[in-house]
N, C-alpha and C. Protein backbone atom coordinates (compact mmCIF):
# COMPACT_ATOMS: atom_id res chain seq x y z
N MET A 1 95.02 97.67 115.64
CA MET A 1 94.10 97.84 114.36
C MET A 1 95.18 97.25 113.21
N ILE A 2 96.10 98.70 113.01
CA ILE A 2 96.92 98.76 112.26
C ILE A 2 97.93 97.88 111.47
N GLU A 3 98.29 96.85 113.35
CA GLU A 3 98.96 95.99 112.64
C GLU A 3 98.16 94.50 112.90
N THR A 4 97.20 94.74 113.11
CA THR A 4 96.18 93.61 112.75
C THR A 4 96.02 93.29 111.16
N VAL A 5 95.81 94.51 110.70
CA VAL A 5 95.55 94.76 109.00
C VAL A 5 96.86 94.59 107.80
N ALA A 6 98.20 95.12 109.04
CA ALA A 6 99.35 94.77 108.05
C ALA A 6 100.19 93.03 108.30
N SER A 7 99.49 92.55 109.51
CA SER A 7 99.65 91.17 109.19
C SER A 7 98.75 89.94 108.39
N PHE A 8 97.55 90.52 107.88
CA PHE A 8 96.52 90.50 106.45
C PHE A 8 97.35 90.57 105.43
N PHE A 9 98.34 91.90 105.23
CA PHE A 9 99.12 92.07 103.82
C PHE A 9 99.84 92.62 104.36
N PRO A 10 100.93 91.52 104.49
CA PRO A 10 102.08 91.71 104.77
C PRO A 10 103.14 92.34 103.21
N TYR A 11 102.89 92.25 102.13
CA TYR A 11 103.35 92.67 101.55
C TYR A 11 103.06 93.76 100.96
N VAL A 12 101.65 94.50 101.49
CA VAL A 12 101.57 95.65 100.44
C VAL A 12 102.09 96.70 101.32
N LYS A 13 102.78 97.48 100.24
CA LYS A 13 103.48 98.85 100.77
C LYS A 13 102.26 99.81 100.53
N ILE A 14 102.12 101.06 101.37
CA ILE A 14 101.29 101.91 101.34
C ILE A 14 102.09 102.85 99.82
N PRO A 15 102.98 103.38 99.84
CA PRO A 15 103.72 103.95 99.02
C PRO A 15 103.83 103.55 97.68
N GLN A 16 104.11 102.18 96.96
CA GLN A 16 104.07 101.75 95.80
C GLN A 16 102.50 101.84 95.78
N LEU A 17 101.58 101.13 96.19
CA LEU A 17 100.18 100.83 95.98
C LEU A 17 99.47 102.56 96.08
N THR A 18 100.41 103.66 96.49
CA THR A 18 99.89 104.54 96.16
C THR A 18 99.92 105.61 94.35
N LYS A 19 101.30 104.85 94.51
CA LYS A 19 102.00 105.32 92.62
C LYS A 19 100.97 104.74 91.82
N ALA A 20 100.83 103.43 92.16
CA ALA A 20 99.86 102.66 91.43
C ALA A 20 98.69 103.25 91.31
N LEU A 21 98.06 103.49 91.88
CA LEU A 21 97.19 103.85 91.58
C LEU A 21 96.51 105.52 91.16
N TRP A 22 97.27 106.15 91.28
CA TRP A 22 98.01 107.56 90.75
C TRP A 22 98.21 107.17 89.23
N ASP A 23 99.17 106.35 89.06
CA ASP A 23 99.62 105.75 87.41
C ASP A 23 98.16 105.54 86.51
N THR A 24 97.36 104.61 87.46
CA THR A 24 95.79 104.11 86.92
C THR A 24 95.14 105.11 86.60
N LEU A 25 94.53 105.88 87.51
CA LEU A 25 94.06 107.62 87.22
C LEU A 25 94.68 108.30 86.29
N TYR A 26 95.62 108.28 85.97
CA TYR A 26 96.30 109.27 85.71
C TYR A 26 96.31 108.99 83.94
N MET A 27 96.60 107.63 83.53
CA MET A 27 96.02 106.80 82.25
C MET A 27 94.89 106.53 81.48
N THR A 28 93.86 106.60 82.83
CA THR A 28 92.45 106.55 82.40
C THR A 28 91.94 107.51 82.68
N ALA A 29 92.24 108.58 83.28
CA ALA A 29 91.87 110.40 83.14
C ALA A 29 92.18 111.27 81.90
N TRP A 30 93.34 110.43 80.97
CA TRP A 30 94.23 111.32 80.01
C TRP A 30 93.47 110.39 78.67
N SER A 31 93.52 109.56 79.04
CA SER A 31 93.24 108.28 77.73
C SER A 31 91.29 109.14 77.17
N GLY A 32 90.64 108.53 78.53
CA GLY A 32 89.66 108.98 78.80
C GLY A 32 89.03 110.44 77.88
N VAL A 33 89.88 111.40 78.16
CA VAL A 33 89.38 112.61 77.77
C VAL A 33 89.55 112.84 76.18
N ALA A 34 90.55 112.33 75.69
CA ALA A 34 91.10 112.04 74.26
C ALA A 34 90.15 111.32 73.70
N THR A 35 89.56 110.06 74.16
CA THR A 35 88.30 108.95 73.65
C THR A 35 87.57 109.91 73.31
N PHE A 36 87.08 110.76 74.30
CA PHE A 36 85.66 111.39 74.20
C PHE A 36 85.59 112.16 73.41
N VAL A 37 86.96 113.12 73.12
CA VAL A 37 86.80 114.23 72.10
C VAL A 37 86.86 113.32 70.64
N LEU A 38 87.54 112.57 70.54
CA LEU A 38 88.34 111.79 69.32
C LEU A 38 86.95 110.44 68.89
N GLY A 39 86.22 110.46 70.13
CA GLY A 39 85.13 109.33 69.54
C GLY A 39 83.90 110.34 69.09
N LEU A 40 83.29 111.63 70.11
CA LEU A 40 82.43 112.52 69.40
C LEU A 40 82.51 112.81 68.21
N LEU A 41 84.15 113.06 67.53
CA LEU A 41 84.14 113.92 66.25
C LEU A 41 83.95 112.79 65.49
N LEU A 42 84.67 111.43 65.75
CA LEU A 42 84.09 110.63 64.94
C LEU A 42 82.85 109.89 64.28
N GLY A 43 82.40 109.88 65.81
CA GLY A 43 80.68 109.47 65.93
C GLY A 43 80.27 110.53 64.98
N CYS A 44 80.07 111.67 65.22
CA CYS A 44 79.36 112.51 64.72
C CYS A 44 79.62 112.76 62.56
N LEU A 45 81.10 112.10 62.09
CA LEU A 45 81.38 112.23 61.00
C LEU A 45 80.42 110.79 60.65
N LEU A 46 80.60 109.74 61.43
CA LEU A 46 80.06 108.49 61.21
C LEU A 46 78.68 108.39 60.46
N PHE A 47 77.76 109.47 62.09
CA PHE A 47 76.73 110.03 61.14
C PHE A 47 76.03 109.91 60.45
N LEU A 48 76.84 111.58 60.25
CA LEU A 48 76.49 112.53 59.34
C LEU A 48 76.64 112.27 57.62
N THR A 49 77.50 111.14 57.56
CA THR A 49 77.72 110.61 56.35
C THR A 49 77.15 109.41 55.93
N SER A 50 75.78 109.30 56.85
CA SER A 50 75.59 107.58 56.97
C SER A 50 74.42 107.94 55.67
N PRO A 51 73.83 107.22 55.07
CA PRO A 51 72.58 107.41 54.26
C PRO A 51 71.44 108.51 54.99
N ARG A 52 71.37 109.36 54.21
CA ARG A 52 69.89 110.40 54.02
C ARG A 52 70.08 111.17 55.42
N GLN A 53 71.36 111.34 55.54
CA GLN A 53 72.06 112.64 56.64
C GLN A 53 72.24 113.43 56.03
N LEU A 54 72.76 115.07 56.96
CA LEU A 54 72.91 116.27 55.60
C LEU A 54 74.44 115.97 55.35
N LEU A 55 75.70 114.93 55.35
CA LEU A 55 76.78 115.00 54.88
C LEU A 55 76.75 113.67 53.98
N ALA A 56 75.64 112.97 53.48
CA ALA A 56 75.72 111.75 53.11
C ALA A 56 76.13 111.40 52.16
N SER A 57 77.54 110.00 52.31
CA SER A 57 78.32 110.19 51.26
C SER A 57 78.55 108.43 51.78
N ARG A 58 78.43 107.62 50.69
CA ARG A 58 78.21 106.26 50.39
C ARG A 58 80.07 105.85 50.70
N THR A 59 81.12 106.73 50.09
CA THR A 59 82.01 106.09 50.41
C THR A 59 82.77 106.68 51.42
N ALA A 60 82.23 107.76 52.12
CA ALA A 60 83.03 108.32 53.35
C ALA A 60 82.50 107.48 54.26
N TYR A 61 81.32 106.92 54.26
CA TYR A 61 80.67 106.22 55.29
C TYR A 61 81.04 104.83 55.22
N PHE A 62 81.48 104.35 54.09
CA PHE A 62 82.36 103.19 54.40
C PHE A 62 83.63 102.88 54.71
N VAL A 63 84.67 104.40 54.13
CA VAL A 63 85.91 104.48 54.50
C VAL A 63 85.93 104.58 56.05
N LEU A 64 84.93 105.15 56.91
CA LEU A 64 85.08 105.40 58.28
C LEU A 64 84.79 104.15 59.32
N SER A 65 83.38 103.31 58.53
CA SER A 65 83.11 102.35 58.93
C SER A 65 83.91 101.48 59.26
N ILE A 66 85.36 100.54 58.34
CA ILE A 66 85.82 99.87 58.12
C ILE A 66 87.01 100.42 59.20
N VAL A 67 87.35 101.36 58.75
CA VAL A 67 88.32 102.25 60.22
C VAL A 67 88.21 101.85 61.40
N THR A 68 87.10 102.10 61.93
CA THR A 68 86.12 102.32 63.42
C THR A 68 86.11 100.46 63.25
N ASN A 69 85.90 99.92 62.65
CA ASN A 69 85.56 98.41 62.86
C ASN A 69 86.58 97.91 63.40
N ILE A 70 87.62 97.84 62.26
CA ILE A 70 89.08 97.40 62.49
C ILE A 70 89.58 98.10 64.07
N PHE A 71 89.71 98.73 64.26
CA PHE A 71 90.47 99.15 65.20
C PHE A 71 89.94 99.01 66.61
N ARG A 72 88.29 98.66 66.38
CA ARG A 72 87.68 98.35 67.58
C ARG A 72 87.55 96.99 67.61
N SER A 73 87.32 96.56 66.92
CA SER A 73 87.72 94.44 66.57
C SER A 73 89.02 93.85 66.84
N ILE A 74 90.52 94.88 66.87
CA ILE A 74 91.71 94.37 67.15
C ILE A 74 91.38 94.32 68.73
N PRO A 75 91.96 93.03 69.38
CA PRO A 75 92.32 92.54 70.99
C PRO A 75 93.50 93.79 71.59
N PHE A 76 93.04 94.22 73.19
CA PHE A 76 93.75 95.15 72.92
C PHE A 76 95.83 95.17 73.64
N LEU A 77 95.70 93.75 73.49
CA LEU A 77 97.11 93.07 74.17
C LEU A 77 97.72 93.25 72.50
N ILE A 78 97.21 92.40 71.69
CA ILE A 78 97.43 92.80 70.20
C ILE A 78 97.83 93.88 69.85
N LEU A 79 96.82 95.07 70.09
CA LEU A 79 96.88 96.27 69.72
C LEU A 79 98.66 96.88 70.38
N LEU A 80 98.30 97.11 71.41
CA LEU A 80 99.71 96.99 72.32
C LEU A 80 101.06 97.18 71.52
N VAL A 81 101.36 95.81 70.95
CA VAL A 81 102.24 95.13 70.43
C VAL A 81 102.53 95.84 68.73
N LEU A 82 101.41 96.00 68.21
CA LEU A 82 101.35 96.44 66.86
C LEU A 82 102.03 97.92 66.79
N LEU A 83 101.05 98.55 67.70
CA LEU A 83 101.45 99.30 68.01
C LEU A 83 102.81 100.37 68.91
N ILE A 84 104.03 99.05 68.99
CA ILE A 84 104.75 99.48 69.84
C ILE A 84 105.67 100.31 68.35
N PRO A 85 106.14 100.47 67.17
CA PRO A 85 106.98 101.01 66.58
C PRO A 85 106.39 102.67 66.85
N PHE A 86 104.98 103.40 66.28
CA PHE A 86 104.41 104.49 66.64
C PHE A 86 104.65 105.13 67.95
N THR A 87 104.27 104.29 69.25
CA THR A 87 104.32 104.24 70.29
C THR A 87 105.77 105.09 70.98
N ARG A 88 106.80 104.24 70.34
CA ARG A 88 108.40 104.59 70.66
C ARG A 88 108.40 105.98 69.78
N PHE A 89 107.61 106.21 68.43
CA PHE A 89 108.11 107.13 67.80
C PHE A 89 107.14 108.38 68.53
N VAL A 90 106.19 108.86 69.10
CA VAL A 90 105.70 109.48 69.77
C VAL A 90 106.00 109.83 71.25
N VAL A 91 106.33 108.75 72.00
CA VAL A 91 106.71 109.12 73.27
C VAL A 91 108.11 108.42 73.52
N GLY A 92 108.60 107.99 72.41
CA GLY A 92 110.10 107.56 72.82
C GLY A 92 110.27 106.23 73.98
N THR A 93 109.79 105.89 74.40
CA THR A 93 109.79 104.41 75.38
C THR A 93 108.79 103.93 75.03
N MET A 94 108.37 102.44 75.53
CA MET A 94 107.59 101.47 75.63
C MET A 94 106.76 101.38 77.42
N LEU A 95 107.76 102.05 78.08
CA LEU A 95 107.28 101.57 79.52
C LEU A 95 106.86 103.24 80.28
N GLY A 96 106.25 102.70 81.32
CA GLY A 96 105.39 103.97 82.06
C GLY A 96 103.84 104.19 81.54
N PRO A 97 103.18 105.13 82.08
CA PRO A 97 102.03 105.29 81.92
C PRO A 97 101.61 106.38 80.29
N ASN A 98 102.55 106.69 79.88
CA ASN A 98 102.73 108.08 79.10
C ASN A 98 102.77 106.78 77.81
N ALA A 99 103.57 105.79 78.16
CA ALA A 99 103.63 105.21 76.84
C ALA A 99 102.17 104.14 76.25
N ALA A 100 101.59 104.43 77.32
CA ALA A 100 99.76 103.60 76.93
C ALA A 100 99.07 104.43 76.23
N LEU A 101 99.08 105.23 76.58
CA LEU A 101 98.03 106.52 75.94
C LEU A 101 97.59 106.24 74.77
N PRO A 102 98.46 106.00 73.87
CA PRO A 102 98.30 105.92 72.18
C PRO A 102 97.87 104.81 71.74
N ALA A 103 97.61 103.38 72.46
CA ALA A 103 97.07 102.39 72.59
C ALA A 103 96.07 102.31 73.13
N LEU A 104 95.90 102.99 74.28
CA LEU A 104 94.64 102.84 75.24
C LEU A 104 93.16 103.73 74.62
N ILE A 105 93.58 105.24 72.97
CA ILE A 105 93.07 106.40 72.79
C ILE A 105 93.11 105.11 71.65
N ILE A 106 93.47 104.87 71.03
CA ILE A 106 93.50 104.35 69.83
C ILE A 106 92.25 102.88 69.98
N GLY A 107 92.29 102.20 70.66
CA GLY A 107 91.87 101.52 71.04
C GLY A 107 90.13 101.37 71.46
N ALA A 108 90.25 102.80 72.13
CA ALA A 108 88.93 102.74 72.77
C ALA A 108 88.02 104.05 72.12
N ALA A 109 88.95 104.94 71.42
CA ALA A 109 87.81 105.98 70.25
C ALA A 109 86.79 105.13 69.59
N PRO A 110 87.78 104.35 68.85
CA PRO A 110 86.53 103.44 68.08
C PRO A 110 85.18 102.88 68.46
N PHE A 111 85.31 102.68 69.38
CA PHE A 111 84.55 101.95 70.42
C PHE A 111 83.18 102.68 70.64
N TYR A 112 84.00 104.14 71.24
CA TYR A 112 82.85 105.04 71.76
C TYR A 112 82.03 105.92 70.85
N ALA A 113 82.77 105.80 69.22
CA ALA A 113 82.02 106.15 68.28
C ALA A 113 81.34 105.92 68.09
N ARG A 114 81.17 104.19 67.85
CA ARG A 114 79.83 103.82 67.62
C ARG A 114 78.99 103.97 68.66
N LEU A 115 78.96 104.51 69.82
CA LEU A 115 78.04 104.46 70.54
C LEU A 115 77.61 105.40 70.32
N VAL A 116 78.23 106.87 70.05
CA VAL A 116 77.98 108.47 69.58
C VAL A 116 76.87 108.07 68.20
N GLU A 117 77.53 107.34 67.92
CA GLU A 117 76.77 107.04 66.15
C GLU A 117 75.28 106.45 66.97
N LEU A 118 75.21 105.35 67.76
CA LEU A 118 73.92 105.07 67.82
C LEU A 118 72.78 105.89 68.54
N ALA A 119 73.91 106.77 69.70
CA ALA A 119 73.41 107.54 70.55
C ALA A 119 72.29 108.65 69.53
N PHE A 120 72.99 109.09 68.61
CA PHE A 120 72.53 109.97 67.54
C PHE A 120 71.43 109.21 66.77
N ARG A 121 71.24 108.10 66.83
CA ARG A 121 69.94 107.95 65.62
C ARG A 121 68.76 107.61 66.05
N GLU A 122 69.06 107.77 67.49
CA GLU A 122 67.72 108.05 68.71
C GLU A 122 67.53 108.96 69.03
N VAL A 123 68.06 109.90 68.23
CA VAL A 123 67.24 111.33 68.38
C VAL A 123 66.35 111.26 66.98
N ASP A 124 64.95 112.04 67.78
CA ASP A 124 64.07 112.25 67.15
C ASP A 124 64.36 113.26 65.44
N LYS A 125 63.83 112.01 64.39
CA LYS A 125 64.32 113.00 62.89
C LYS A 125 63.87 114.25 62.76
N GLY A 126 62.13 114.34 63.72
CA GLY A 126 61.79 115.54 63.23
C GLY A 126 62.23 117.03 63.46
N VAL A 127 63.07 116.30 64.89
CA VAL A 127 63.73 117.74 65.01
C VAL A 127 64.98 118.02 64.47
N ILE A 128 65.19 117.09 63.75
CA ILE A 128 66.66 117.43 63.20
C ILE A 128 66.20 118.14 61.64
N GLU A 129 65.41 117.51 61.15
CA GLU A 129 64.67 118.26 59.82
C GLU A 129 64.23 119.46 60.47
N ALA A 130 63.37 119.60 61.34
CA ALA A 130 63.21 121.31 61.48
C ALA A 130 64.30 122.21 61.26
N THR A 131 65.44 121.77 61.89
CA THR A 131 66.60 122.83 62.38
C THR A 131 67.17 122.76 60.89
N ARG A 132 67.44 121.87 60.21
CA ARG A 132 67.60 122.18 58.57
C ARG A 132 67.03 122.65 57.63
N ALA A 133 65.16 122.75 58.11
CA ALA A 133 64.43 123.52 57.33
C ALA A 133 64.98 124.85 57.62
N MET A 134 65.56 125.37 59.00
CA MET A 134 65.22 126.79 59.00
C MET A 134 66.59 127.17 58.68
N GLY A 135 67.33 126.85 58.35
CA GLY A 135 68.81 127.04 57.80
C GLY A 135 70.17 126.21 58.17
N GLY A 136 69.67 125.76 59.03
CA GLY A 136 70.86 125.18 60.13
C GLY A 136 71.58 123.75 59.19
N GLY A 137 72.94 124.55 59.62
CA GLY A 137 74.02 123.13 59.06
C GLY A 137 74.15 122.37 59.78
N ALA A 138 75.25 121.67 59.39
CA ALA A 138 76.08 120.16 60.25
C ALA A 138 76.65 120.81 61.31
N LEU A 139 76.88 122.23 61.80
CA LEU A 139 78.00 122.36 63.31
C LEU A 139 76.30 122.20 64.01
N THR A 140 75.21 123.34 63.62
CA THR A 140 74.10 123.68 64.21
C THR A 140 73.39 122.79 64.47
N VAL A 141 73.47 121.43 63.35
CA VAL A 141 72.98 120.09 64.18
C VAL A 141 73.45 119.56 65.04
N ILE A 142 74.44 119.50 65.29
CA ILE A 142 75.76 118.68 65.95
C ILE A 142 75.48 119.20 67.37
N TRP A 143 75.93 120.75 67.52
CA TRP A 143 75.43 121.30 68.50
C TRP A 143 74.19 122.08 69.63
N ARG A 144 73.22 121.97 68.31
CA ARG A 144 72.16 122.57 68.71
C ARG A 144 70.73 121.39 69.04
N VAL A 145 70.86 120.63 68.54
CA VAL A 145 70.09 119.10 68.25
C VAL A 145 70.77 117.84 68.68
N LEU A 146 71.66 117.11 68.36
CA LEU A 146 72.31 116.38 68.24
C LEU A 146 72.68 115.88 69.32
N ILE A 147 73.95 116.35 70.23
CA ILE A 147 74.42 116.49 71.43
C ILE A 147 73.51 116.96 72.63
N PRO A 148 72.65 117.60 72.94
CA PRO A 148 71.55 117.98 73.46
C PRO A 148 70.64 116.94 74.10
N GLU A 149 70.16 116.72 73.15
CA GLU A 149 69.24 115.47 72.57
C GLU A 149 69.39 114.48 72.92
N SER A 150 70.81 113.82 72.71
CA SER A 150 71.62 112.47 73.39
C SER A 150 72.24 112.57 74.41
N ALA A 151 72.19 113.70 75.13
CA ALA A 151 73.62 113.87 76.23
C ALA A 151 73.30 112.71 77.05
N PRO A 152 72.01 111.87 77.60
CA PRO A 152 72.13 110.75 78.36
C PRO A 152 72.91 109.67 77.88
N ALA A 153 72.68 109.52 76.72
CA ALA A 153 73.34 108.59 75.76
C ALA A 153 74.63 108.21 76.14
N LEU A 154 75.13 109.92 75.88
CA LEU A 154 76.57 110.04 75.57
C LEU A 154 77.01 110.13 77.05
N VAL A 155 76.67 110.63 77.54
CA VAL A 155 77.71 110.19 79.50
C VAL A 155 77.39 108.62 79.33
N SER A 156 76.18 107.92 79.11
CA SER A 156 76.26 106.37 79.39
C SER A 156 77.20 105.57 78.73
N GLY A 157 77.28 106.04 77.49
CA GLY A 157 78.50 105.45 76.30
C GLY A 157 80.08 106.01 77.06
N ILE A 158 80.18 107.26 77.51
CA ILE A 158 81.70 107.25 77.90
C ILE A 158 82.05 106.82 79.40
N THR A 159 81.28 106.51 79.90
CA THR A 159 81.00 105.80 81.41
C THR A 159 81.36 104.61 80.80
N VAL A 160 80.25 103.79 80.35
CA VAL A 160 81.15 102.34 79.64
C VAL A 160 82.76 102.07 79.11
N THR A 161 82.38 103.16 78.42
CA THR A 161 84.54 103.38 77.72
C THR A 161 85.58 103.61 78.94
N LEU A 162 84.93 104.21 79.92
CA LEU A 162 85.75 104.74 80.74
C LEU A 162 86.23 103.18 81.52
N ILE A 163 84.90 102.75 81.99
CA ILE A 163 85.13 101.11 82.81
C ILE A 163 86.47 100.80 81.88
N ALA A 164 85.93 100.42 80.76
CA ALA A 164 86.61 99.54 79.68
C ALA A 164 88.45 99.60 79.60
N LEU A 165 88.31 101.11 79.85
CA LEU A 165 89.78 101.78 79.74
C LEU A 165 90.76 101.14 80.91
N VAL A 166 89.57 101.35 82.08
CA VAL A 166 90.67 100.51 83.34
C VAL A 166 91.09 99.24 83.23
N GLY A 167 89.77 99.03 82.58
CA GLY A 167 90.57 97.05 82.00
C GLY A 167 91.63 97.21 81.62
N TYR A 168 91.59 98.11 80.47
CA TYR A 168 92.85 98.57 79.24
C TYR A 168 94.01 98.61 79.94
N THR A 169 94.30 99.81 81.28
CA THR A 169 95.46 100.09 81.74
C THR A 169 95.56 98.62 82.70
N ALA A 170 94.81 97.98 82.86
CA ALA A 170 95.81 96.58 83.96
C ALA A 170 96.22 95.92 83.02
N MET A 171 95.65 95.68 81.58
CA MET A 171 96.48 94.82 80.75
C MET A 171 97.79 95.66 80.41
N ALA A 172 97.30 96.94 80.19
CA ALA A 172 99.18 97.83 80.05
C ALA A 172 99.89 97.54 81.12
N GLY A 173 99.44 97.85 82.36
CA GLY A 173 100.56 97.53 83.29
C GLY A 173 101.23 96.37 83.20
N ALA A 174 100.61 95.44 82.74
CA ALA A 174 101.36 93.71 82.99
C ALA A 174 102.64 93.84 82.30
N ILE A 175 102.30 94.58 80.91
CA ILE A 175 103.83 94.51 79.78
C ILE A 175 104.55 96.01 80.31
N GLY A 176 104.06 96.33 81.21
CA GLY A 176 105.70 97.44 82.09
C GLY A 176 104.83 99.11 81.89
N ALA A 177 103.74 99.12 81.50
CA ALA A 177 102.83 100.21 81.76
C ALA A 177 103.14 101.62 83.21
N GLY A 178 102.92 100.65 83.95
CA GLY A 178 102.54 100.77 85.14
C GLY A 178 101.41 100.77 85.62
N GLY A 179 100.82 101.20 87.13
CA GLY A 179 99.18 101.80 87.20
C GLY A 179 99.25 99.47 87.89
N LEU A 180 97.86 99.76 88.57
CA LEU A 180 97.68 98.67 89.57
C LEU A 180 97.66 97.01 88.82
N GLY A 181 97.53 97.04 87.53
CA GLY A 181 97.74 95.68 86.99
C GLY A 181 99.08 95.36 86.56
N ASN A 182 99.73 96.21 86.28
CA ASN A 182 101.61 96.21 87.20
C ASN A 182 101.98 95.52 88.27
N LEU A 183 101.56 96.20 88.90
CA LEU A 183 101.57 95.90 91.02
C LEU A 183 100.94 94.33 90.80
N ALA A 184 99.96 94.46 90.36
CA ALA A 184 99.02 92.93 90.81
C ALA A 184 100.22 91.94 90.13
N TYR A 185 100.56 92.29 89.23
CA TYR A 185 101.40 91.20 87.88
C TYR A 185 102.72 90.97 88.11
N LEU A 186 103.39 91.93 88.61
CA LEU A 186 104.97 91.41 88.94
C LEU A 186 105.23 91.08 90.37
N GLU A 187 104.51 92.21 91.25
CA GLU A 187 104.37 92.12 92.61
C GLU A 187 104.03 91.23 93.37
N GLY A 188 102.12 91.25 92.90
CA GLY A 188 101.53 89.53 93.17
C GLY A 188 101.74 88.52 92.60
N PHE A 189 101.22 88.79 91.69
CA PHE A 189 101.22 87.23 90.61
C PHE A 189 103.22 86.87 90.66
N GLN A 190 104.25 87.53 89.97
CA GLN A 190 105.11 87.10 89.55
C GLN A 190 106.35 86.68 91.37
N ARG A 191 105.43 87.09 92.04
CA ARG A 191 106.52 87.07 93.29
C ARG A 191 105.56 86.32 94.58
N ASN A 192 104.27 85.53 93.38
CA ASN A 192 103.39 85.37 94.61
C ASN A 192 103.34 86.01 96.03
N HIS A 193 102.93 87.06 95.96
CA HIS A 193 101.96 87.74 97.07
C HIS A 193 100.78 87.67 96.62
N PRO A 194 99.67 86.92 97.05
CA PRO A 194 98.50 87.00 97.13
C PRO A 194 97.84 88.53 97.27
N ASP A 195 98.48 88.80 98.28
CA ASP A 195 97.72 89.97 99.13
C ASP A 195 97.82 91.27 98.51
N VAL A 196 98.95 91.31 97.50
CA VAL A 196 99.28 92.93 96.52
C VAL A 196 98.12 92.49 95.54
N THR A 197 98.11 91.08 94.98
CA THR A 197 97.16 90.81 93.95
C THR A 197 95.68 91.18 94.24
N LEU A 198 95.49 90.80 95.35
CA LEU A 198 94.13 91.36 96.23
C LEU A 198 93.72 92.59 96.29
N VAL A 199 94.64 93.23 97.04
CA VAL A 199 94.28 94.57 97.04
C VAL A 199 94.35 95.38 96.14
N ALA A 200 95.41 95.27 94.68
CA ALA A 200 95.47 96.06 94.03
C ALA A 200 94.13 95.94 92.66
N THR A 201 93.09 94.47 92.39
CA THR A 201 92.30 94.01 92.14
C THR A 201 90.83 94.94 92.93
N VAL A 202 91.18 94.94 93.95
CA VAL A 202 89.96 95.68 94.90
C VAL A 202 90.06 97.01 94.77
N THR A 203 91.08 97.70 94.70
CA THR A 203 91.59 99.18 94.36
C THR A 203 90.77 99.36 93.25
N ILE A 204 91.00 98.58 91.69
CA ILE A 204 90.18 98.30 90.39
C ILE A 204 88.86 98.76 90.66
N LEU A 205 88.23 97.65 91.04
CA LEU A 205 87.03 97.45 90.95
C LEU A 205 86.48 98.87 92.25
N LEU A 206 87.12 99.45 92.81
CA LEU A 206 86.27 100.47 93.70
C LEU A 206 86.77 101.96 92.37
N ILE A 207 87.36 101.78 91.52
CA ILE A 207 87.01 102.55 90.88
C ILE A 207 86.16 102.98 89.60
N VAL A 208 85.83 101.33 89.41
CA VAL A 208 85.35 101.25 88.33
C VAL A 208 83.75 101.26 89.08
N PHE A 209 83.33 101.06 90.89
CA PHE A 209 81.97 101.24 91.79
C PHE A 209 82.13 103.21 90.96
N VAL A 210 83.04 104.00 91.34
CA VAL A 210 83.07 104.92 91.38
C VAL A 210 82.66 105.80 90.27
N ILE A 211 83.74 105.12 89.04
CA ILE A 211 83.20 105.90 87.92
C ILE A 211 81.42 105.43 87.49
N GLN A 212 81.03 104.02 87.40
CA GLN A 212 79.54 104.16 87.23
C GLN A 212 78.58 104.45 88.01
N PHE A 213 78.84 105.05 89.42
CA PHE A 213 78.30 105.42 90.26
C PHE A 213 77.92 107.22 90.03
N VAL A 214 79.48 107.84 89.47
CA VAL A 214 79.23 108.73 88.37
C VAL A 214 78.63 109.17 87.42
N GLY A 215 78.73 108.03 86.70
CA GLY A 215 78.02 108.56 85.40
C GLY A 215 76.42 108.20 85.50
N ASP A 216 75.90 107.11 86.09
CA ASP A 216 74.50 107.11 86.52
C ASP A 216 74.08 108.39 86.56
N THR A 217 74.78 108.95 88.28
CA THR A 217 74.19 110.00 88.21
C THR A 217 74.26 110.90 87.71
N LEU A 218 74.87 111.29 86.71
CA LEU A 218 74.87 112.35 85.63
C LEU A 218 73.51 112.17 84.27
N VAL A 219 73.48 110.81 84.39
CA VAL A 219 72.55 110.28 83.27
C VAL A 219 71.24 110.67 84.11
N ARG A 220 70.98 110.17 85.46
CA ARG A 220 69.29 110.76 85.94
C ARG A 220 69.68 112.45 85.78
N LYS A 221 70.32 113.05 86.12
CA LYS A 221 69.88 114.68 85.62
C LYS A 221 70.14 115.23 84.27
N LEU A 222 70.93 114.20 83.75
CA LEU A 222 70.52 114.62 82.34
C LEU A 222 69.15 114.37 81.70
N ASP A 223 68.68 113.32 81.75
CA ASP A 223 67.32 112.38 81.68
C ASP A 223 66.45 113.43 81.62
N LYS A 224 65.60 114.00 80.56
CA LYS A 224 64.78 114.49 80.57
C LYS A 224 62.95 114.12 80.50
N ARG A 225 63.53 112.60 80.52
CA ARG A 225 61.86 111.68 80.56
C ARG A 225 61.69 111.62 81.64
């Protein structure tokens, strides 16, 4: 059985595949945590500084929107190149999983921030007004109303963002960050080993399916409707 499988995938090396899988999971997990925290913070600021909200400020909202839209709109490969000086300053190298983290976070956090803002806008305004009428400040509104009421949408948003991050890691891997993208490009495409490319692609798809399954399960449990 093992020999039959090996004959179909002659160039696939298990230790190499395991290392690539670990690198992809490492980049996705750390950038996902940072994206969730920064995106949630930025999304809160976008919502609270928008018109008719608790910290309404046209100037602050305009600046935050511009910054968010700029970084959300830059294609990831271009962002990787633009951030080379910053990445070298922070990490000290442009190679390896750690070198991909700054670009992954900066590329994904603004995207998630917009999803957070949209989720907060769906919260019943009456509940927010009632909390404010009872003396609740910005933090109370955020922790007691916005986050609990929009929890399903927040989880759904971070699920979509994590899946996007898996794709970003594959692109980052193609220029030396490691992971399954690096394996598929260097060992599969450049060396003309289609079996390596196939296995790396299927492994990425499995990661995406697992993330989507876990995210959907959490959304169903959090949804009170």
